[in-house]
């Protein structure tokens, strides 16, 4: 089983609110990632648009559009489903890279994988 990495307190993720950023090693490269809460569940993704490998947030840690129903890329306007990362419109080439999360005892953890590791300090 892959190790779990503590990310934040569950209460830090507010429905449709600011994301909690974190860094990961994905495919051998250090990448920014983010966690959000949507429809009561925590979700996390690499902060990388599927259209062009640029960060999505239009302000630091802000990913939701005005409706609170979509994650939006500030550069090209592509929109993604907050629960799956699937492309919902605009210039997308696939969906966002999802990072598995779990919540236990008031703490959100992200799950490592063979190509998804914590940044070592």
PDB file of N, CA and C in Angstrom:
ATOM      1  N   UNK A   1       0.842  -1.191   0.000  1.00  0.00           N
ATOM      2  CA  UNK A   1       0.000   0.000   0.000  1.00  0.00           C
ATOM      3  C   UNK A   1       0.880   1.244   0.000  1.00  0.00           C
ATOM      4  N   UNK A   2       0.431   2.237  -0.725  1.00  0.00           N
ATOM      5  CA  UNK A   2       1.198   3.479  -0.828  1.00  0.00           C
ATOM      6  C   UNK A   2       0.980   4.353   0.399  1.00  0.00           C
ATOM      7  N   UNK A   3       2.033   5.029   0.850  1.00  0.00           N
ATOM      8  CA  UNK A   3       1.916   5.880   2.035  1.00  0.00           C
ATOM      9  C   UNK A   3       0.932   7.031   1.825  1.00  0.00           C
ATOM     10  N   UNK A   4       0.318   7.453   2.936  1.00  0.00           N
ATOM     11  CA  UNK A   4      -0.546   8.629   2.949  1.00  0.00           C
ATOM     12  C   UNK A   4       0.262   9.793   3.497  1.00  0.00           C
ATOM     13  N   UNK A   5       0.065  10.963   2.916  1.00  0.00           N
ATOM     14  CA  UNK A   5       0.773  12.161   3.339  1.00  0.00           C
ATOM     15  C   UNK A   5      -0.266  13.154   3.864  1.00  0.00           C
ATOM     16  N   UNK A   6      -0.130  13.571   5.121  1.00  0.00           N
ATOM     17  CA  UNK A   6      -1.051  14.559   5.682  1.00  0.00           C
ATOM     18  C   UNK A   6      -0.943  15.861   4.895  1.00  0.00           C
ATOM     19  N   UNK A   7      -2.098  16.393   4.509  1.00  0.00           N
ATOM     20  CA  UNK A   7      -2.132  17.615   3.704  1.00  0.00           C
ATOM     21  C   UNK A   7      -2.621  18.810   4.519  1.00  0.00           C
ATOM     22  N   UNK A   8      -3.784  18.678   5.176  1.00  0.00           N
ATOM     23  CA  UNK A   8      -4.358  19.792   5.908  1.00  0.00           C
ATOM     24  C   UNK A   8      -5.466  19.276   6.820  1.00  0.00           C
ATOM     25  N   UNK A   9      -5.970  20.139   7.665  1.00  0.00           N
ATOM     26  CA  UNK A   9      -7.157  19.815   8.435  1.00  0.00           C
ATOM     27  C   UNK A   9      -8.352  19.826   7.493  1.00  0.00           C
ATOM     28  N   UNK A  10      -9.287  18.935   7.690  1.00  0.00           N
ATOM     29  CA  UNK A  10     -10.468  18.874   6.829  1.00  0.00           C
ATOM     30  C   UNK A  10     -11.203  20.210   6.811  1.00  0.00           C
ATOM     31  N   UNK A  11     -11.200  20.915   7.939  1.00  0.00           N
ATOM     32  CA  UNK A  11     -11.894  22.208   8.030  1.00  0.00           C
ATOM     33  C   UNK A  11     -11.228  23.302   7.195  1.00  0.00           C
ATOM     34  N   UNK A  12      -9.982  23.081   6.736  1.00  0.00           N
ATOM     35  CA  UNK A  12      -9.291  24.065   5.895  1.00  0.00           C
ATOM     36  C   UNK A  12      -9.879  24.121   4.488  1.00  0.00           C
ATOM     37  N   UNK A  13     -10.556  23.062   4.067  1.00  0.00           N
ATOM     38  CA  UNK A  13     -11.162  23.019   2.736  1.00  0.00           C
ATOM     39  C   UNK A  13     -12.626  23.414   2.845  1.00  0.00           C
ATOM     40  N   UNK A  14     -12.924  24.620   2.425  1.00  0.00           N
ATOM     41  CA  UNK A  14     -14.288  25.145   2.470  1.00  0.00           C
ATOM     42  C   UNK A  14     -14.962  24.910   1.120  1.00  0.00           C
ATOM     43  N   UNK A  15     -16.233  24.542   1.169  1.00  0.00           N
ATOM     44  CA  UNK A  15     -17.020  24.286  -0.030  1.00  0.00           C
ATOM     45  C   UNK A  15     -16.890  25.458  -1.003  1.00  0.00           C
ATOM     46  N   UNK A  16     -16.344  25.194  -2.215  1.00  0.00           N
ATOM     47  CA  UNK A  16     -16.202  26.216  -3.247  1.00  0.00           C
ATOM     48  C   UNK A  16     -15.230  27.330  -2.905  1.00  0.00           C
ATOM     49  N   UNK A  17     -14.447  27.154  -1.854  1.00  0.00           N
ATOM     50  CA  UNK A  17     -13.547  28.210  -1.398  1.00  0.00           C
ATOM     51  C   UNK A  17     -12.146  28.078  -1.953  1.00  0.00           C
ATOM     52  N   UNK A  18     -11.230  28.720  -1.265  1.00  0.00           N
ATOM     53  CA  UNK A  18      -9.833  28.682  -1.686  1.00  0.00           C
ATOM     54  C   UNK A  18      -9.281  27.268  -1.566  1.00  0.00           C
ATOM     55  N   UNK A  19      -8.361  26.977  -2.457  1.00  0.00           N
ATOM     56  CA  UNK A  19      -7.686  25.680  -2.453  1.00  0.00           C
ATOM     57  C   UNK A  19      -6.547  25.683  -1.445  1.00  0.00           C
ATOM     58  N   UNK A  20      -6.154  24.485  -1.060  1.00  0.00           N
ATOM     59  CA  UNK A  20      -4.943  24.298  -0.263  1.00  0.00           C
ATOM     60  C   UNK A  20      -3.871  23.801  -1.227  1.00  0.00           C
ATOM     61  N   UNK A  21      -2.808  24.585  -1.443  1.00  0.00           N
ATOM     62  CA  UNK A  21      -1.763  24.175  -2.380  1.00  0.00           C
ATOM     63  C   UNK A  21      -0.766  23.227  -1.716  1.00  0.00           C
ATOM     64  N   UNK A  22      -0.133  22.400  -2.538  1.00  0.00           N
ATOM     65  CA  UNK A  22       0.951  21.546  -2.066  1.00  0.00           C
ATOM     66  C   UNK A  22       1.810  21.152  -3.257  1.00  0.00           C
ATOM     67  N   UNK A  23       3.026  20.712  -2.961  1.00  0.00           N
ATOM     68  CA  UNK A  23       3.961  20.319  -4.007  1.00  0.00           C
ATOM     69  C   UNK A  23       4.118  18.811  -4.019  1.00  0.00           C
ATOM     70  N   UNK A  24       4.283  18.263  -5.212  1.00  0.00           N
ATOM     71  CA  UNK A  24       4.490  16.830  -5.406  1.00  0.00           C
ATOM     72  C   UNK A  24       5.584  16.628  -6.445  1.00  0.00           C
ATOM     73  N   UNK A  25       6.105  15.419  -6.471  1.00  0.00           N
ATOM     74  CA  UNK A  25       6.967  15.001  -7.578  1.00  0.00           C
ATOM     75  C   UNK A  25       6.090  14.117  -8.466  1.00  0.00           C
ATOM     76  N   UNK A  26       5.819  14.581  -9.676  1.00  0.00           N
ATOM     77  CA  UNK A  26       4.994  13.833 -10.617  1.00  0.00           C
ATOM     78  C   UNK A  26       5.838  13.509 -11.845  1.00  0.00           C
ATOM     79  N   UNK A  27       6.010  12.231 -12.095  1.00  0.00           N
ATOM     80  CA  UNK A  27       6.816  11.825 -13.240  1.00  0.00           C
ATOM     81  C   UNK A  27       8.233  12.371 -13.186  1.00  0.00           C
ATOM     82  N   UNK A  28       8.772  12.503 -11.976  1.00  0.00           N
ATOM     83  CA  UNK A  28      10.150  12.964 -11.813  1.00  0.00           C
ATOM     84  C   UNK A  28      10.310  14.471 -11.748  1.00  0.00           C
ATOM     85  N   UNK A  29       9.220  15.237 -11.895  1.00  0.00           N
ATOM     86  CA  UNK A  29       9.299  16.699 -11.866  1.00  0.00           C
ATOM     87  C   UNK A  29       8.527  17.248 -10.676  1.00  0.00           C
ATOM     88  N   UNK A  30       9.059  18.309 -10.056  1.00  0.00           N
ATOM     89  CA  UNK A  30       8.332  18.979  -8.991  1.00  0.00           C
ATOM     90  C   UNK A  30       7.189  19.774  -9.606  1.00  0.00           C
ATOM     91  N   UNK A  31       5.994  19.554  -9.098  1.00  0.00           N
ATOM     92  CA  UNK A  31       4.795  20.210  -9.616  1.00  0.00           C
ATOM     93  C   UNK A  31       3.973  20.757  -8.465  1.00  0.00           C
ATOM     94  N   UNK A  32       3.248  21.804  -8.740  1.00  0.00           N
ATOM     95  CA  UNK A  32       2.294  22.353  -7.783  1.00  0.00           C
ATOM     96  C   UNK A  32       1.003  21.567  -7.924  1.00  0.00           C
ATOM     97  N   UNK A  33       0.332  21.340  -6.825  1.00  0.00           N
ATOM     98  CA  UNK A  33      -0.968  20.667  -6.808  1.00  0.00           C
ATOM     99  C   UNK A  33      -1.887  21.468  -5.890  1.00  0.00           C
ATOM    100  N   UNK A  34      -3.177  21.125  -5.915  1.00  0.00           N
ATOM    101  CA  UNK A  34      -4.130  21.823  -5.061  1.00  0.00           C
ATOM    102  C   UNK A  34      -5.264  20.893  -4.660  1.00  0.00           C
ATOM    103  N   UNK A  35      -5.820  21.181  -3.500  1.00  0.00           N
ATOM    104  CA  UNK A  35      -6.979  20.442  -2.997  1.00  0.00           C
ATOM    105  C   UNK A  35      -8.125  21.418  -2.809  1.00  0.00           C
ATOM    106  N   UNK A  36      -9.342  20.972  -3.140  1.00  0.00           N
ATOM    107  CA  UNK A  36     -10.558  21.778  -2.994  1.00  0.00           C
ATOM    108  C   UNK A  36     -11.644  20.906  -2.380  1.00  0.00           C
ATOM    109  N   UNK A  37     -12.731  21.544  -1.981  1.00  0.00           N
ATOM    110  CA  UNK A  37     -13.913  20.800  -1.531  1.00  0.00           C
ATOM    111  C   UNK A  37     -15.059  21.156  -2.470  1.00  0.00           C
ATOM    112  N   UNK A  38     -15.741  20.104  -2.948  1.00  0.00           N
ATOM    113  CA  UNK A  38     -16.876  20.282  -3.852  1.00  0.00           C
ATOM    114  C   UNK A  38     -17.930  19.252  -3.495  1.00  0.00           C
ATOM    115  N   UNK A  39     -19.154  19.725  -3.280  1.00  0.00           N
ATOM    116  CA  UNK A  39     -20.268  18.865  -2.892  1.00  0.00           C
ATOM    117  C   UNK A  39     -19.913  17.982  -1.693  1.00  0.00           C
ATOM    118  N   UNK A  40     -19.205  18.598  -0.729  1.00  0.00           N
ATOM    119  CA  UNK A  40     -18.889  17.938   0.520  1.00  0.00           C
ATOM    120  C   UNK A  40     -17.667  17.035   0.512  1.00  0.00           C
ATOM    121  N   UNK A  41     -17.076  16.802  -0.650  1.00  0.00           N
ATOM    122  CA  UNK A  41     -15.927  15.893  -0.731  1.00  0.00           C
ATOM    123  C   UNK A  41     -14.668  16.646  -1.132  1.00  0.00           C
ATOM    124  N   UNK A  42     -13.542  16.176  -0.617  1.00  0.00           N
ATOM    125  CA  UNK A  42     -12.248  16.763  -0.966  1.00  0.00           C
ATOM    126  C   UNK A  42     -11.726  16.121  -2.242  1.00  0.00           C
ATOM    127  N   UNK A  43     -11.144  16.942  -3.106  1.00  0.00           N
ATOM    128  CA  UNK A  43     -10.555  16.491  -4.368  1.00  0.00           C
ATOM    129  C   UNK A  43      -9.226  17.218  -4.551  1.00  0.00           C
ATOM    130  N   UNK A  44      -8.293  16.583  -5.249  1.00  0.00           N
ATOM    131  CA  UNK A  44      -6.999  17.228  -5.516  1.00  0.00           C
ATOM    132  C   UNK A  44      -6.553  16.921  -6.939  1.00  0.00           C
ATOM    133  N   UNK A  45      -5.815  17.876  -7.492  1.00  0.00           N
ATOM    134  CA  UNK A  45      -5.330  17.774  -8.868  1.00  0.00           C
ATOM    135  C   UNK A  45      -3.958  18.422  -8.977  1.00  0.00           C
ATOM    136  N   UNK A  46      -3.222  18.031 -10.012  1.00  0.00           N
ATOM    137  CA  UNK A  46      -2.032  18.799 -10.366  1.00  0.00           C
ATOM    138  C   UNK A  46      -2.511  20.161 -10.842  1.00  0.00           C
ATOM    139  N   UNK A  47      -1.789  21.198 -10.506  1.00  0.00           N
ATOM    140  CA  UNK A  47      -2.129  22.551 -10.954  1.00  0.00           C
ATOM    141  C   UNK A  47      -1.517  22.757 -12.341  1.00  0.00           C
ATOM    142  N   UNK A  48      -2.093  22.042 -13.296  1.00  0.00           N
ATOM    143  CA  UNK A  48      -1.560  22.055 -14.664  1.00  0.00           C
ATOM    144  C   UNK A  48      -2.730  21.896 -15.637  1.00  0.00           C
ATOM    145  N   UNK A  49      -2.968  22.908 -16.441  1.00  0.00           N
ATOM    146  CA  UNK A  49      -4.038  22.862 -17.434  1.00  0.00           C
ATOM    147  C   UNK A  49      -3.752  21.748 -18.441  1.00  0.00           C
ATOM    148  N   UNK A  50      -4.805  21.059 -18.865  1.00  0.00           N
ATOM    149  CA  UNK A  50      -4.641  19.977 -19.852  1.00  0.00           C
ATOM    150  C   UNK A  50      -4.398  20.532 -21.248  1.00  0.00           C
ATOM    151  N   UNK A  51      -4.675  21.804 -21.471  1.00  0.00           N
ATOM    152  CA  UNK A  51      -4.464  22.426 -22.793  1.00  0.00           C
ATOM    153  C   UNK A  51      -2.998  22.797 -22.983  1.00  0.00           C
ATOM    154  N   UNK A  52      -2.481  23.568 -22.074  1.00  0.00           N
ATOM    155  CA  UNK A  52      -1.068  23.972 -22.061  1.00  0.00           C
ATOM    156  C   UNK A  52      -0.607  23.813 -20.614  1.00  0.00           C
ATOM    157  N   UNK A  53       0.540  23.251 -20.413  1.00  0.00           N
ATOM    158  CA  UNK A  53       1.019  22.944 -19.052  1.00  0.00           C
ATOM    159  C   UNK A  53       1.350  24.214 -18.272  1.00  0.00           C
ATOM    160  N   UNK A  54       0.291  24.973 -17.930  1.00  0.00           N
ATOM    161  CA  UNK A  54       0.428  26.188 -17.130  1.00  0.00           C
ATOM    162  C   UNK A  54      -0.483  26.055 -15.919  1.00  0.00           C
ATOM    163  N   UNK A  55      -0.166  26.779 -14.857  1.00  0.00           N
ATOM    164  CA  UNK A  55      -1.010  26.731 -13.667  1.00  0.00           C
ATOM    165  C   UNK A  55      -2.363  27.375 -13.946  1.00  0.00           C
ATOM    166  N   UNK A  56      -3.390  26.843 -13.305  1.00  0.00           N
ATOM    167  CA  UNK A  56      -4.765  27.239 -13.571  1.00  0.00           C
ATOM    168  C   UNK A  56      -5.222  28.488 -12.826  1.00  0.00           C
ATOM    169  N   UNK A  57      -4.819  28.662 -11.572  1.00  0.00           N
ATOM    170  CA  UNK A  57      -5.444  29.653 -10.705  1.00  0.00           C
ATOM    171  C   UNK A  57      -5.321  31.085 -11.226  1.00  0.00           C
ATOM    172  N   UNK A  58      -6.457  31.796 -11.132  1.00  0.00           N
ATOM    173  CA  UNK A  58      -6.504  33.184 -11.591  1.00  0.00           C
ATOM    174  C   UNK A  58      -6.045  34.152 -10.505  1.00  0.00           C
ATOM    175  N   UNK A  59      -6.150  33.746  -9.261  1.00  0.00           N
ATOM    176  CA  UNK A  59      -5.535  34.409  -8.117  1.00  0.00           C
ATOM    177  C   UNK A  59      -4.966  33.278  -7.285  1.00  0.00           C
ATOM    178  N   UNK A  60      -3.997  33.539  -6.443  1.00  0.00           N
ATOM    179  CA  UNK A  60      -3.440  32.432  -5.664  1.00  0.00           C
ATOM    180  C   UNK A  60      -4.535  31.617  -4.966  1.00  0.00           C
ATOM    181  N   UNK A  61      -4.534  30.311  -5.246  1.00  0.00           N
ATOM    182  CA  UNK A  61      -5.429  29.338  -4.616  1.00  0.00           C
ATOM    183  C   UNK A  61      -6.905  29.514  -4.963  1.00  0.00           C
ATOM    184  N   UNK A  62      -7.210  30.212  -6.051  1.00  0.00           N
ATOM    185  CA  UNK A  62      -8.596  30.390  -6.511  1.00  0.00           C
ATOM    186  C   UNK A  62      -8.755  29.679  -7.852  1.00  0.00           C
ATOM    187  N   UNK A  63      -9.649  28.679  -7.879  1.00  0.00           N
ATOM    188  CA  UNK A  63      -9.836  27.855  -9.068  1.00  0.00           C
ATOM    189  C   UNK A  63     -11.276  27.808  -9.549  1.00  0.00           C
ATOM    190  N   UNK A  64     -12.238  28.067  -8.646  1.00  0.00           N
ATOM    191  CA  UNK A  64     -13.642  27.974  -9.033  1.00  0.00           C
ATOM    192  C   UNK A  64     -14.077  29.186  -9.847  1.00  0.00           C
ATOM    193  N   UNK A  65     -14.969  28.942 -10.829  1.00  0.00           N
ATOM    194  CA  UNK A  65     -15.570  30.052 -11.567  1.00  0.00           C
ATOM    195  C   UNK A  65     -16.611  30.724 -10.673  1.00  0.00           C
ATOM    196  N   UNK A  66     -17.296  31.757 -11.210  1.00  0.00           N
ATOM    197  CA  UNK A  66     -18.258  32.512 -10.415  1.00  0.00           C
ATOM    198  C   UNK A  66     -19.446  31.671  -9.958  1.00  0.00           C
ATOM    199  N   UNK A  67     -19.762  30.598 -10.675  1.00  0.00           N
ATOM    200  CA  UNK A  67     -20.904  29.765 -10.303  1.00  0.00           C
ATOM    201  C   UNK A  67     -20.541  28.764  -9.196  1.00  0.00           C
ATOM    202  N   UNK A  68     -19.252  28.528  -8.986  1.00  0.00           N
ATOM    203  CA  UNK A  68     -18.812  27.541  -8.010  1.00  0.00           C
ATOM    204  C   UNK A  68     -18.990  26.111  -8.486  1.00  0.00           C
ATOM    205  N   UNK A  69     -19.304  25.925  -9.779  1.00  0.00           N
ATOM    206  CA  UNK A  69     -19.566  24.599 -10.329  1.00  0.00           C
ATOM    207  C   UNK A  69     -18.448  24.072 -11.222  1.00  0.00           C
ATOM    208  N   UNK A  70     -17.480  24.908 -11.542  1.00  0.00           N
ATOM    209  CA  UNK A  70     -16.403  24.522 -12.450  1.00  0.00           C
ATOM    210  C   UNK A  70     -15.067  25.036 -11.944  1.00  0.00           C
ATOM    211  N   UNK A  71     -14.014  24.301 -12.229  1.00  0.00           N
ATOM    212  CA  UNK A  71     -12.647  24.795 -12.068  1.00  0.00           C
ATOM    213  C   UNK A  71     -12.289  25.417 -13.404  1.00  0.00           C
ATOM    214  N   UNK A  72     -11.690  26.587 -13.391  1.00  0.00           N
ATOM    215  CA  UNK A  72     -11.432  27.302 -14.642  1.00  0.00           C
ATOM    216  C   UNK A  72      -9.954  27.637 -14.770  1.00  0.00           C
ATOM    217  N   UNK A  73      -9.451  27.506 -15.989  1.00  0.00           N
ATOM    218  CA  UNK A  73      -8.077  27.904 -16.294  1.00  0.00           C
ATOM    219  C   UNK A  73      -8.075  29.389 -16.615  1.00  0.00           C
ATOM    220  N   UNK A  74      -7.309  30.157 -15.869  1.00  0.00           N
ATOM    221  CA  UNK A  74      -7.254  31.606 -16.058  1.00  0.00           C
ATOM    222  C   UNK A  74      -6.605  32.004 -17.379  1.00  0.00           C
ATOM    223  N   UNK A  75      -5.802  31.139 -17.959  1.00  0.00           N
ATOM    224  CA  UNK A  75      -5.073  31.486 -19.188  1.00  0.00           C
ATOM    225  C   UNK A  75      -5.952  31.348 -20.427  1.00  0.00           C
ATOM    226  N   UNK A  76      -6.634  30.212 -20.582  1.00  0.00           N
ATOM    227  CA  UNK A  76      -7.376  29.941 -21.817  1.00  0.00           C
ATOM    228  C   UNK A  76      -8.870  29.744 -21.628  1.00  0.00           C
ATOM    229  N   UNK A  77      -9.346  29.746 -20.378  1.00  0.00           N
ATOM    230  CA  UNK A  77     -10.770  29.609 -20.135  1.00  0.00           C
ATOM    231  C   UNK A  77     -11.309  28.191 -20.175  1.00  0.00           C
ATOM    232  N   UNK A  78     -10.460  27.192 -20.243  1.00  0.00           N
ATOM    233  CA  UNK A  78     -10.932  25.809 -20.189  1.00  0.00           C
ATOM    234  C   UNK A  78     -11.568  25.575 -18.821  1.00  0.00           C
ATOM    235  N   UNK A  79     -12.647  24.786 -18.789  1.00  0.00           N
ATOM    236  CA  UNK A  79     -13.307  24.478 -17.524  1.00  0.00           C
ATOM    237  C   UNK A  79     -13.286  22.978 -17.282  1.00  0.00           C
ATOM    238  N   UNK A  80     -13.190  22.621 -16.000  1.00  0.00           N
ATOM    239  CA  UNK A  80     -13.058  21.232 -15.580  1.00  0.00           C
ATOM    240  C   UNK A  80     -14.040  20.943 -14.454  1.00  0.00           C
ATOM    241  N   UNK A  81     -14.552  19.720 -14.422  1.00  0.00           N
ATOM    242  CA  UNK A  81     -15.452  19.291 -13.346  1.00  0.00           C
ATOM    243  C   UNK A  81     -14.657  19.184 -12.047  1.00  0.00           C
ATOM    244  N   UNK A  82     -15.126  19.805 -10.971  1.00  0.00           N
ATOM    245  CA  UNK A  82     -14.392  19.753  -9.707  1.00  0.00           C
ATOM    246  C   UNK A  82     -14.324  18.362  -9.088  1.00  0.00           C
ATOM    247  N   UNK A  83     -15.263  17.477  -9.411  1.00  0.00           N
ATOM    248  CA  UNK A  83     -15.279  16.158  -8.785  1.00  0.00           C
ATOM    249  C   UNK A  83     -14.472  15.103  -9.536  1.00  0.00           C
ATOM    250  N   UNK A  84     -14.248  15.315 -10.840  1.00  0.00           N
ATOM    251  CA  UNK A  84     -13.517  14.324 -11.631  1.00  0.00           C
ATOM    252  C   UNK A  84     -12.303  14.888 -12.349  1.00  0.00           C
ATOM    253  N   UNK A  85     -12.275  16.197 -12.572  1.00  0.00           N
ATOM    254  CA  UNK A  85     -11.209  16.819 -13.355  1.00  0.00           C
ATOM    255  C   UNK A  85     -11.438  16.723 -14.850  1.00  0.00           C
ATOM    256  N   UNK A  86     -12.575  16.144 -15.272  1.00  0.00           N
ATOM    257  CA  UNK A  86     -12.872  15.994 -16.705  1.00  0.00           C
ATOM    258  C   UNK A  86     -13.112  17.360 -17.334  1.00  0.00           C
ATOM    259  N   UNK A  87     -12.709  17.500 -18.586  1.00  0.00           N
ATOM    260  CA  UNK A  87     -12.917  18.733 -19.333  1.00  0.00           C
ATOM    261  C   UNK A  87     -14.412  18.947 -19.542  1.00  0.00           C
ATOM    262  N   UNK A  88     -14.870  20.163 -19.256  1.00  0.00           N
ATOM    263  CA  UNK A  88     -16.273  20.496 -19.441  1.00  0.00           C
ATOM    264  C   UNK A  88     -16.497  21.511 -20.541  1.00  0.00           C
ATOM    265  N   UNK A  89     -15.425  22.025 -21.136  1.00  0.00           N
ATOM    266  CA  UNK A  89     -15.555  23.004 -22.211  1.00  0.00           C
ATOM    267  C   UNK A  89     -14.295  23.817 -22.361  1.00  0.00           C
ATOM    268  N   UNK A  90     -14.190  24.473 -23.497  1.00  0.00           N
ATOM    269  CA  UNK A  90     -13.013  25.283 -23.782  1.00  0.00           C
ATOM    270  C   UNK A  90     -11.887  24.428 -24.339  1.00  0.00           C
ATOM    271  N   UNK A  91     -10.721  25.024 -24.504  1.00  0.00           N
ATOM    272  CA  UNK A  91      -9.592  24.308 -25.109  1.00  0.00           C
ATOM    273  C   UNK A  91      -8.936  23.322 -24.143  1.00  0.00           C
ATOM    274  N   UNK A  92      -9.408  22.094 -24.135  1.00  0.00           N
ATOM    275  CA  UNK A  92      -8.827  21.050 -23.277  1.00  0.00           C
ATOM    276  C   UNK A  92      -8.260  19.933 -24.144  1.00  0.00           C
ATOM    277  N   UNK A  93      -7.252  19.310 -23.656  1.00  0.00           N
ATOM    278  CA  UNK A  93      -6.747  18.064 -24.249  1.00  0.00           C
ATOM    279  C   UNK A  93      -6.785  17.014 -23.160  1.00  0.00           C
ATOM    280  N   UNK A  94      -7.976  16.558 -22.829  1.00  0.00           N
ATOM    281  CA  UNK A  94      -8.135  15.635 -21.716  1.00  0.00           C
ATOM    282  C   UNK A  94      -8.481  16.380 -20.453  1.00  0.00           C
ATOM    283  N   UNK A  95      -8.388  15.681 -19.337  1.00  0.00           N
ATOM    284  CA  UNK A  95      -8.750  16.272 -18.057  1.00  0.00           C
ATOM    285  C   UNK A  95      -7.543  16.547 -17.191  1.00  0.00           C
ATOM    286  N   UNK A  96      -7.821  17.034 -16.000  1.00  0.00           N
ATOM    287  CA  UNK A  96      -6.773  17.292 -15.023  1.00  0.00           C
ATOM    288  C   UNK A  96      -6.281  15.973 -14.434  1.00  0.00           C
ATOM    289  N   UNK A  97      -5.048  15.970 -13.950  1.00  0.00           N
ATOM    290  CA  UNK A  97      -4.481  14.793 -13.292  1.00  0.00           C
ATOM    291  C   UNK A  97      -4.968  14.788 -11.847  1.00  0.00           C
ATOM    292  N   UNK A  98      -5.775  13.793 -11.514  1.00  0.00           N
ATOM    293  CA  UNK A  98      -6.377  13.694 -10.176  1.00  0.00           C
ATOM    294  C   UNK A  98      -5.404  13.015  -9.213  1.00  0.00           C
ATOM    295  N   UNK A  99      -5.377  13.530  -7.995  1.00  0.00           N
ATOM    296  CA  UNK A  99      -4.555  12.972  -6.926  1.00  0.00           C
ATOM    297  C   UNK A  99      -5.513  12.409  -5.881  1.00  0.00           C
ATOM    298  N   UNK A 100      -5.460  11.119  -5.606  1.00  0.00           N
ATOM    299  CA  UNK A 100      -6.388  10.527  -4.633  1.00  0.00           C
ATOM    300  C   UNK A 100      -6.202  11.117  -3.229  1.00  0.00           C
ATOM    301  N   UNK A 101      -7.327  11.407  -2.584  1.00  0.00           N
ATOM    302  CA  UNK A 101      -7.343  11.933  -1.225  1.00  0.00           C
ATOM    303  C   UNK A 101      -8.200  11.040  -0.349  1.00  0.00           C
ATOM    304  N   UNK A 102      -7.982  11.131   0.940  1.00  0.00           N
ATOM    305  CA  UNK A 102      -8.873  10.515   1.915  1.00  0.00           C
ATOM    306  C   UNK A 102      -8.924  11.430   3.130  1.00  0.00           C
ATOM    307  N   UNK A 103     -10.037  11.352   3.862  1.00  0.00           N
ATOM    308  CA  UNK A 103     -10.205  12.124   5.086  1.00  0.00           C
ATOM    309  C   UNK A 103     -10.387  11.156   6.241  1.00  0.00           C
ATOM    310  N   UNK A 104      -9.620  11.381   7.297  1.00  0.00           N
ATOM    311  CA  UNK A 104      -9.705  10.511   8.465  1.00  0.00           C
ATOM    312  C   UNK A 104      -9.401  11.333   9.708  1.00  0.00           C
ATOM    313  N   UNK A 105     -10.275  11.238  10.689  1.00  0.00           N
ATOM    314  CA  UNK A 105     -10.081  11.930  11.974  1.00  0.00           C
ATOM    315  C   UNK A 105      -9.812  13.423  11.798  1.00  0.00           C
ATOM    316  N   UNK A 106     -10.538  14.065  10.860  1.00  0.00           N
ATOM    317  CA  UNK A 106     -10.418  15.502  10.663  1.00  0.00           C
ATOM    318  C   UNK A 106      -9.203  15.951   9.890  1.00  0.00           C
ATOM    319  N   UNK A 107      -8.481  15.019   9.256  1.00  0.00           N
ATOM    320  CA  UNK A 107      -7.284  15.356   8.479  1.00  0.00           C
ATOM    321  C   UNK A 107      -7.448  14.831   7.051  1.00  0.00           C
ATOM    322  N   UNK A 108      -7.071  15.658   6.079  1.00  0.00           N
ATOM    323  CA  UNK A 108      -7.059  15.255   4.674  1.00  0.00           C
ATOM    324  C   UNK A 108      -5.659  14.758   4.335  1.00  0.00           C
ATOM    325  N   UNK A 109      -5.583  13.582   3.721  1.00  0.00           N
ATOM    326  CA  UNK A 109      -4.310  12.987   3.293  1.00  0.00           C
ATOM    327  C   UNK A 109      -4.325  12.807   1.778  1.00  0.00           C
ATOM    328  N   UNK A 110      -3.159  12.939   1.146  1.00  0.00           N
ATOM    329  CA  UNK A 110      -3.065  12.555  -0.261  1.00  0.00           C
ATOM    330  C   UNK A 110      -2.284  11.258  -0.351  1.00  0.00           C
ATOM    331  N   UNK A 111      -2.570  10.506  -1.407  1.00  0.00           N
ATOM    332  CA  UNK A 111      -2.017   9.165  -1.570  1.00  0.00           C
ATOM    333  C   UNK A 111      -0.883   9.206  -2.588  1.00  0.00           C
ATOM    334  N   UNK A 112       0.244   8.658  -2.215  1.00  0.00           N
ATOM    335  CA  UNK A 112       1.365   8.564  -3.141  1.00  0.00           C
ATOM    336  C   UNK A 112       1.107   7.430  -4.140  1.00  0.00           C
ATOM    337  N   UNK A 113       1.889   7.402  -5.194  1.00  0.00           N
ATOM    338  CA  UNK A 113       1.819   6.355  -6.215  1.00  0.00           C
ATOM    339  C   UNK A 113       3.209   6.220  -6.820  1.00  0.00           C
ATOM    340  N   UNK A 114       3.377   5.273  -7.729  1.00  0.00           N
ATOM    341  CA  UNK A 114       4.705   5.061  -8.329  1.00  0.00           C
ATOM    342  C   UNK A 114       5.210   6.328  -9.032  1.00  0.00           C
ATOM    343  N   UNK A 115       4.301   7.141  -9.586  1.00  0.00           N
ATOM    344  CA  UNK A 115       4.717   8.348 -10.303  1.00  0.00           C
ATOM    345  C   UNK A 115       4.320   9.618  -9.570  1.00  0.00           C
ATOM    346  N   UNK A 116       3.905   9.491  -8.289  1.00  0.00           N
ATOM    347  CA  UNK A 116       3.441  10.639  -7.510  1.00  0.00           C
ATOM    348  C   UNK A 116       4.024  10.516  -6.096  1.00  0.00           C
ATOM    349  N   UNK A 117       5.011  11.346  -5.819  1.00  0.00           N
ATOM    350  CA  UNK A 117       5.764  11.230  -4.567  1.00  0.00           C
ATOM    351  C   UNK A 117       5.850  12.585  -3.863  1.00  0.00           C
ATOM    352  N   UNK A 118       6.098  12.572  -2.562  1.00  0.00           N
ATOM    353  CA  UNK A 118       6.285  13.843  -1.854  1.00  0.00           C
ATOM    354  C   UNK A 118       7.621  14.480  -2.212  1.00  0.00           C
ATOM    355  N   UNK A 119       7.660  15.795  -2.093  1.00  0.00           N
ATOM    356  CA  UNK A 119       8.910  16.522  -2.294  1.00  0.00           C
ATOM    357  C   UNK A 119       9.752  16.331  -1.045  1.00  0.00           C
ATOM    358  N   UNK A 120      10.974  15.910  -1.227  1.00  0.00           N
ATOM    359  CA  UNK A 120      11.905  15.704  -0.103  1.00  0.00           C
ATOM    360  C   UNK A 120      12.648  16.988   0.182  1.00  0.00           C
ATOM    361  N   UNK A 121      12.736  17.349   1.451  1.00  0.00           N
ATOM    362  CA  UNK A 121      13.458  18.585   1.834  1.00  0.00           C
ATOM    363  C   UNK A 121      14.763  18.240   2.469  1.00  0.00           C
TER     364      UNK A 121
END
